[in-house]
Amino acid sequence: MSTRIRSLLWMTLSVVLLSFATERQAAAYADPGTGAFIYQSAYALFLGGAFYLRRFLDRVWRKRR
């Protein structure tokens, strides 16, 4: 690895570690329904992807026949 890439990686790592070392007041709030929304989105993404994959594979198999 070149010295320029190493120094860039070292600087990036230093900035990330320093950002975790500093204290700040947290002003974040997670609604109780946020987790359910994330699960619902992941489920919809999976089912939608499966649907389109099935349609794509069906088209491929039809062209082979």
N, C-alpha and C. Protein backbone atom coordinates (compact mmCIF):
# COMPACT_ATOMS: atom_id res chain seq x y z
N MET A 1 0.84 -1.16 0.00
CA MET A 1 0.00 0.00 0.00
C MET A 1 0.90 1.24 0.00
N SER A 2 0.50 2.22 -0.74
CA SER A 2 1.32 3.42 -0.82
C SER A 2 1.20 4.24 0.47
N THR A 3 2.16 5.10 0.68
CA THR A 3 2.18 5.91 1.89
C THR A 3 1.03 6.92 1.91
N ARG A 4 0.62 7.36 0.74
CA ARG A 4 -0.48 8.33 0.68
C ARG A 4 -1.79 7.68 1.14
N ILE A 5 -2.03 6.46 0.71
CA ILE A 5 -3.25 5.75 1.11
C ILE A 5 -3.20 5.44 2.60
N ARG A 6 -2.03 5.02 3.08
CA ARG A 6 -1.89 4.73 4.51
C ARG A 6 -2.16 5.97 5.36
N SER A 7 -1.62 7.10 4.94
CA SER A 7 -1.84 8.31 5.73
C SER A 7 -3.31 8.73 5.69
N LEU A 8 -3.97 8.55 4.55
CA LEU A 8 -5.40 8.86 4.45
C LEU A 8 -6.22 7.94 5.35
N LEU A 9 -5.90 6.66 5.35
CA LEU A 9 -6.60 5.72 6.23
C LEU A 9 -6.34 6.04 7.70
N TRP A 10 -5.11 6.39 8.04
CA TRP A 10 -4.78 6.74 9.42
C TRP A 10 -5.52 8.00 9.86
N MET A 11 -5.61 8.99 8.99
CA MET A 11 -6.33 10.21 9.31
C MET A 11 -7.83 9.93 9.49
N THR A 12 -8.39 9.12 8.62
CA THR A 12 -9.81 8.78 8.71
C THR A 12 -10.10 8.04 10.01
N LEU A 13 -9.26 7.08 10.34
CA LEU A 13 -9.43 6.33 11.58
C LEU A 13 -9.30 7.25 12.79
N SER A 14 -8.37 8.18 12.75
CA SER A 14 -8.17 9.11 13.86
C SER A 14 -9.40 10.00 14.05
N VAL A 15 -9.96 10.49 12.97
CA VAL A 15 -11.14 11.35 13.06
C VAL A 15 -12.32 10.57 13.62
N VAL A 16 -12.49 9.33 13.17
CA VAL A 16 -13.60 8.52 13.67
C VAL A 16 -13.44 8.23 15.16
N LEU A 17 -12.24 7.84 15.57
CA LEU A 17 -12.01 7.56 16.98
C LEU A 17 -12.16 8.81 17.84
N LEU A 18 -11.70 9.94 17.37
CA LEU A 18 -11.86 11.19 18.13
C LEU A 18 -13.32 11.61 18.23
N SER A 19 -14.10 11.33 17.21
CA SER A 19 -15.52 11.68 17.27
C SER A 19 -16.25 10.84 18.31
N PHE A 20 -15.81 9.61 18.52
CA PHE A 20 -16.40 8.78 19.56
C PHE A 20 -15.91 9.18 20.95
N ALA A 21 -14.77 9.80 21.04
CA ALA A 21 -14.18 10.16 22.33
C ALA A 21 -14.76 11.45 22.90
N THR A 22 -15.37 12.28 22.07
CA THR A 22 -15.90 13.54 22.56
C THR A 22 -17.31 13.34 23.11
N GLU A 23 -17.65 14.14 24.11
CA GLU A 23 -18.98 14.07 24.71
C GLU A 23 -19.89 15.13 24.11
N ARG A 24 -21.10 14.72 23.83
CA ARG A 24 -22.13 15.66 23.39
C ARG A 24 -23.45 15.22 23.98
N GLN A 25 -24.33 16.16 24.15
CA GLN A 25 -25.65 15.82 24.65
C GLN A 25 -26.45 15.18 23.52
N ALA A 26 -27.07 14.05 23.81
CA ALA A 26 -27.88 13.36 22.81
C ALA A 26 -29.25 14.01 22.74
N ALA A 27 -29.66 14.37 21.54
CA ALA A 27 -30.96 14.99 21.35
C ALA A 27 -31.79 14.15 20.39
N ALA A 28 -31.68 12.84 20.53
CA ALA A 28 -32.38 11.93 19.62
C ALA A 28 -33.55 11.29 20.35
N TYR A 29 -34.56 10.94 19.60
CA TYR A 29 -35.73 10.28 20.16
C TYR A 29 -36.21 9.25 19.16
N ALA A 30 -36.40 8.03 19.63
CA ALA A 30 -36.93 6.97 18.77
C ALA A 30 -38.34 6.64 19.22
N ASP A 31 -39.27 6.82 18.34
CA ASP A 31 -40.66 6.53 18.61
C ASP A 31 -40.83 5.03 18.85
N PRO A 32 -41.75 4.59 19.70
CA PRO A 32 -41.94 3.15 19.92
C PRO A 32 -42.35 2.41 18.64
N GLY A 33 -42.98 3.08 17.71
CA GLY A 33 -43.39 2.43 16.47
C GLY A 33 -42.30 2.36 15.43
N THR A 34 -41.12 2.92 15.72
CA THR A 34 -40.04 2.93 14.74
C THR A 34 -39.57 1.53 14.41
N GLY A 35 -39.43 0.69 15.42
CA GLY A 35 -38.99 -0.69 15.19
C GLY A 35 -39.97 -1.45 14.32
N ALA A 36 -41.26 -1.28 14.58
CA ALA A 36 -42.27 -1.95 13.77
C ALA A 36 -42.21 -1.46 12.32
N PHE A 37 -41.96 -0.18 12.14
CA PHE A 37 -41.85 0.36 10.78
C PHE A 37 -40.65 -0.23 10.05
N ILE A 38 -39.53 -0.40 10.76
CA ILE A 38 -38.34 -0.98 10.14
C ILE A 38 -38.60 -2.43 9.75
N TYR A 39 -39.24 -3.20 10.65
CA TYR A 39 -39.57 -4.59 10.32
C TYR A 39 -40.52 -4.66 9.14
N GLN A 40 -41.50 -3.79 9.10
CA GLN A 40 -42.47 -3.79 8.00
C GLN A 40 -41.78 -3.45 6.68
N SER A 41 -40.87 -2.49 6.71
CA SER A 41 -40.14 -2.11 5.49
C SER A 41 -39.26 -3.25 5.00
N ALA A 42 -38.58 -3.92 5.92
CA ALA A 42 -37.72 -5.05 5.53
C ALA A 42 -38.56 -6.18 4.95
N TYR A 43 -39.71 -6.46 5.56
CA TYR A 43 -40.60 -7.50 5.07
C TYR A 43 -41.13 -7.16 3.68
N ALA A 44 -41.52 -5.92 3.47
CA ALA A 44 -42.02 -5.50 2.16
C ALA A 44 -40.92 -5.56 1.11
N LEU A 45 -39.71 -5.18 1.50
CA LEU A 45 -38.58 -5.26 0.57
C LEU A 45 -38.32 -6.70 0.16
N PHE A 46 -38.35 -7.61 1.12
CA PHE A 46 -38.12 -9.03 0.83
C PHE A 46 -39.21 -9.58 -0.09
N LEU A 47 -40.48 -9.32 0.23
CA LEU A 47 -41.57 -9.85 -0.59
C LEU A 47 -41.58 -9.23 -1.98
N GLY A 48 -41.32 -7.93 -2.06
CA GLY A 48 -41.27 -7.28 -3.38
C GLY A 48 -40.12 -7.81 -4.21
N GLY A 49 -38.96 -8.02 -3.60
CA GLY A 49 -37.82 -8.58 -4.32
C GLY A 49 -38.09 -10.00 -4.79
N ALA A 50 -38.74 -10.80 -3.94
CA ALA A 50 -39.08 -12.17 -4.33
C ALA A 50 -40.06 -12.17 -5.50
N PHE A 51 -41.03 -11.26 -5.47
CA PHE A 51 -42.01 -11.17 -6.56
C PHE A 51 -41.34 -10.83 -7.88
N TYR A 52 -40.45 -9.82 -7.88
CA TYR A 52 -39.80 -9.42 -9.12
C TYR A 52 -38.78 -10.46 -9.58
N LEU A 53 -38.14 -11.14 -8.65
CA LEU A 53 -37.23 -12.22 -9.03
C LEU A 53 -38.00 -13.35 -9.70
N ARG A 54 -39.17 -13.68 -9.15
CA ARG A 54 -39.99 -14.73 -9.75
C ARG A 54 -40.44 -14.33 -11.16
N ARG A 55 -40.84 -13.07 -11.33
CA ARG A 55 -41.25 -12.60 -12.66
C ARG A 55 -40.09 -12.66 -13.64
N PHE A 56 -38.90 -12.26 -13.19
CA PHE A 56 -37.72 -12.28 -14.05
C PHE A 56 -37.37 -13.71 -14.45
N LEU A 57 -37.37 -14.62 -13.48
CA LEU A 57 -37.05 -16.01 -13.79
C LEU A 57 -38.10 -16.65 -14.69
N ASP A 58 -39.36 -16.26 -14.52
CA ASP A 58 -40.42 -16.76 -15.39
C ASP A 58 -40.19 -16.32 -16.83
N ARG A 59 -39.78 -15.08 -17.03
CA ARG A 59 -39.48 -14.61 -18.39
C ARG A 59 -38.30 -15.35 -18.99
N VAL A 60 -37.29 -15.61 -18.18
CA VAL A 60 -36.11 -16.34 -18.68
C VAL A 60 -36.51 -17.74 -19.10
N TRP A 61 -37.31 -18.42 -18.27
CA TRP A 61 -37.70 -19.79 -18.60
C TRP A 61 -38.61 -19.83 -19.82
N ARG A 62 -39.48 -18.83 -20.00
CA ARG A 62 -40.35 -18.80 -21.19
C ARG A 62 -39.53 -18.65 -22.47
N LYS A 63 -38.47 -17.85 -22.43
CA LYS A 63 -37.64 -17.65 -23.62
C LYS A 63 -36.87 -18.91 -23.97
N ARG A 64 -36.56 -19.73 -22.99
CA ARG A 64 -35.81 -20.96 -23.25
C ARG A 64 -36.68 -22.02 -23.92
N ARG A 65 -37.98 -21.97 -23.69
CA ARG A 65 -38.88 -23.00 -24.26
C ARG A 65 -39.12 -22.81 -25.69
